[in-house]
Protein backbone atom coordinates (compact mmCIF):
# COMPACT_ATOMS: atom_id res chain seq x y z
CA UNK A 1 0.00 0.00 0.00
CA UNK A 2 1.60 3.23 -1.22
CA UNK A 3 0.48 6.48 0.39
CA UNK A 4 -1.46 8.65 -2.10
CA UNK A 5 -0.62 6.24 -4.96
CA UNK A 6 -2.92 3.22 -4.66
CA UNK A 7 -4.66 3.52 -1.29
CA UNK A 8 -7.78 5.62 -1.88
CA UNK A 9 -11.36 4.40 -1.76
CA UNK A 10 -11.52 5.23 -5.47
CA UNK A 11 -8.61 2.81 -6.00
CA UNK A 12 -10.51 0.19 -3.99
CA UNK A 13 -13.62 0.74 -6.14
CA UNK A 14 -11.56 0.41 -9.32
CA UNK A 15 -10.04 -2.82 -8.03
CA UNK A 16 -13.46 -4.27 -7.21
CA UNK A 17 -14.70 -3.32 -10.70
CA UNK A 18 -11.65 -4.91 -12.29
CA UNK A 19 -12.18 -8.16 -10.38
CA UNK A 20 -15.95 -8.31 -10.83
CA UNK A 21 -16.91 -11.96 -11.29
CA UNK A 22 -13.38 -13.20 -10.63
CA UNK A 23 -12.90 -15.22 -7.44
CA UNK A 24 -9.91 -13.61 -5.74
CA UNK A 25 -8.17 -12.91 -2.47
CA UNK A 26 -6.46 -9.52 -2.23
CA UNK A 27 -3.39 -9.41 -0.01
CA UNK A 28 -2.78 -5.85 1.16
CA UNK A 29 0.92 -5.34 1.71
CA UNK A 30 2.05 -2.17 3.52
CA UNK A 31 5.03 -0.63 1.75
CA UNK A 32 8.38 -0.94 3.52
CA UNK A 33 10.14 2.39 3.02
CA UNK A 34 13.91 2.69 2.73
CA UNK A 35 16.31 5.64 2.56
CA UNK A 36 16.05 7.41 -0.77
CA UNK A 37 12.65 5.99 -1.66
CA UNK A 38 10.14 8.39 -3.19
CA UNK A 39 7.24 6.46 -1.65
CA UNK A 40 5.72 6.18 1.81
CA UNK A 41 3.55 3.56 3.41
CA UNK A 42 -0.15 4.31 3.63
CA UNK A 43 -1.44 5.27 7.07
CA UNK A 44 -2.79 2.30 9.00
CA UNK A 45 -6.29 3.82 9.11
CA UNK A 46 -6.26 4.23 5.33
CA UNK A 47 -5.21 0.61 4.84
CA UNK A 48 -8.00 -0.56 7.17
CA UNK A 49 -10.62 1.53 5.31
CA UNK A 50 -9.37 0.08 2.02
CA UNK A 51 -9.56 -3.47 3.44
CA UNK A 52 -13.06 -2.87 4.82
CA UNK A 53 -14.29 -1.67 1.42
CA UNK A 54 -12.81 -4.72 -0.32
CA UNK A 55 -14.29 -7.03 2.32
CA UNK A 56 -17.75 -5.47 1.97
CA UNK A 57 -17.51 -6.12 -1.77
CA UNK A 58 -17.10 -9.82 -0.98
CA UNK A 59 -13.35 -10.27 -1.31
CA UNK A 60 -10.99 -11.46 1.39
CA UNK A 61 -8.36 -8.78 1.93
CA UNK A 62 -5.92 -9.67 4.70
CA UNK A 63 -3.41 -7.00 5.66
CA UNK A 64 0.09 -8.42 5.80
CA UNK A 65 1.97 -7.75 9.02
CA UNK A 66 5.06 -5.65 8.26
CA UNK A 67 8.23 -7.24 9.62
CA UNK A 68 11.82 -6.14 9.49
CA UNK A 69 11.07 -2.49 8.81
CA UNK A 70 13.11 -1.28 11.74
CA UNK A 71 16.29 -2.78 10.30
CA UNK A 72 15.44 -2.50 6.58
CA UNK A 73 15.34 -6.30 6.42
CA UNK A 74 12.01 -6.64 4.63
CA UNK A 75 12.16 -7.92 1.06
CA UNK A 76 15.95 -7.75 0.89
CA UNK A 77 16.18 -4.08 1.78
CA UNK A 78 19.01 -4.54 4.26
CA UNK A 79 21.08 -6.32 1.66
CA UNK A 80 20.47 -3.77 -1.10
CA UNK A 81 21.11 -0.81 1.22
CA UNK A 82 24.22 -2.32 2.77
CA UNK A 83 25.72 -3.34 -0.57
CA UNK A 84 25.86 0.32 -1.60
CA UNK A 85 27.94 1.21 1.46
CA UNK A 86 31.62 0.83 2.13
CA UNK A 87 32.49 -1.63 4.86
CA UNK A 88 33.11 1.08 7.48
CA UNK A 89 29.85 2.83 6.61
CA UNK A 90 27.99 -0.48 6.73
CA UNK A 91 29.43 -1.33 10.15
CA UNK A 92 28.49 2.10 11.55
CA UNK A 93 25.02 1.86 10.01
CA UNK A 94 24.42 -1.64 11.42
CA UNK A 95 25.61 -0.50 14.88
CA UNK A 96 23.22 2.46 14.75
CA UNK A 97 20.31 0.22 13.70
CA UNK A 98 21.05 -2.22 16.54
CA UNK A 99 21.26 0.66 19.04
CA UNK A 100 17.97 2.14 17.79
CA UNK A 101 16.26 -1.24 17.83
CA UNK A 102 17.13 -1.63 21.48
CA UNK A 103 15.14 1.54 22.32
CA UNK A 104 11.77 -0.07 21.44
């Protein structure tokens, strides 16, 4: 779910129209942002409204639980981000992420 890209009720209506008569399950996947990304994750309330609309139209629409966001580990993000860094930068970055994770 991308904030202001594909998360509006109009987008949900369009999706329901597109799938009319097609048995389907719609997995809603909150976007996992990373440094330098031009996109943001939809607000949780927006995702829930979208899911409710899809459900009321008769389609299952589970919302995936985001995991690994805090360390950019979702969908290979940690690897792609760390590969762009020099070893010393990567070590400092990983230490910072571990320190920040401990504050939860």
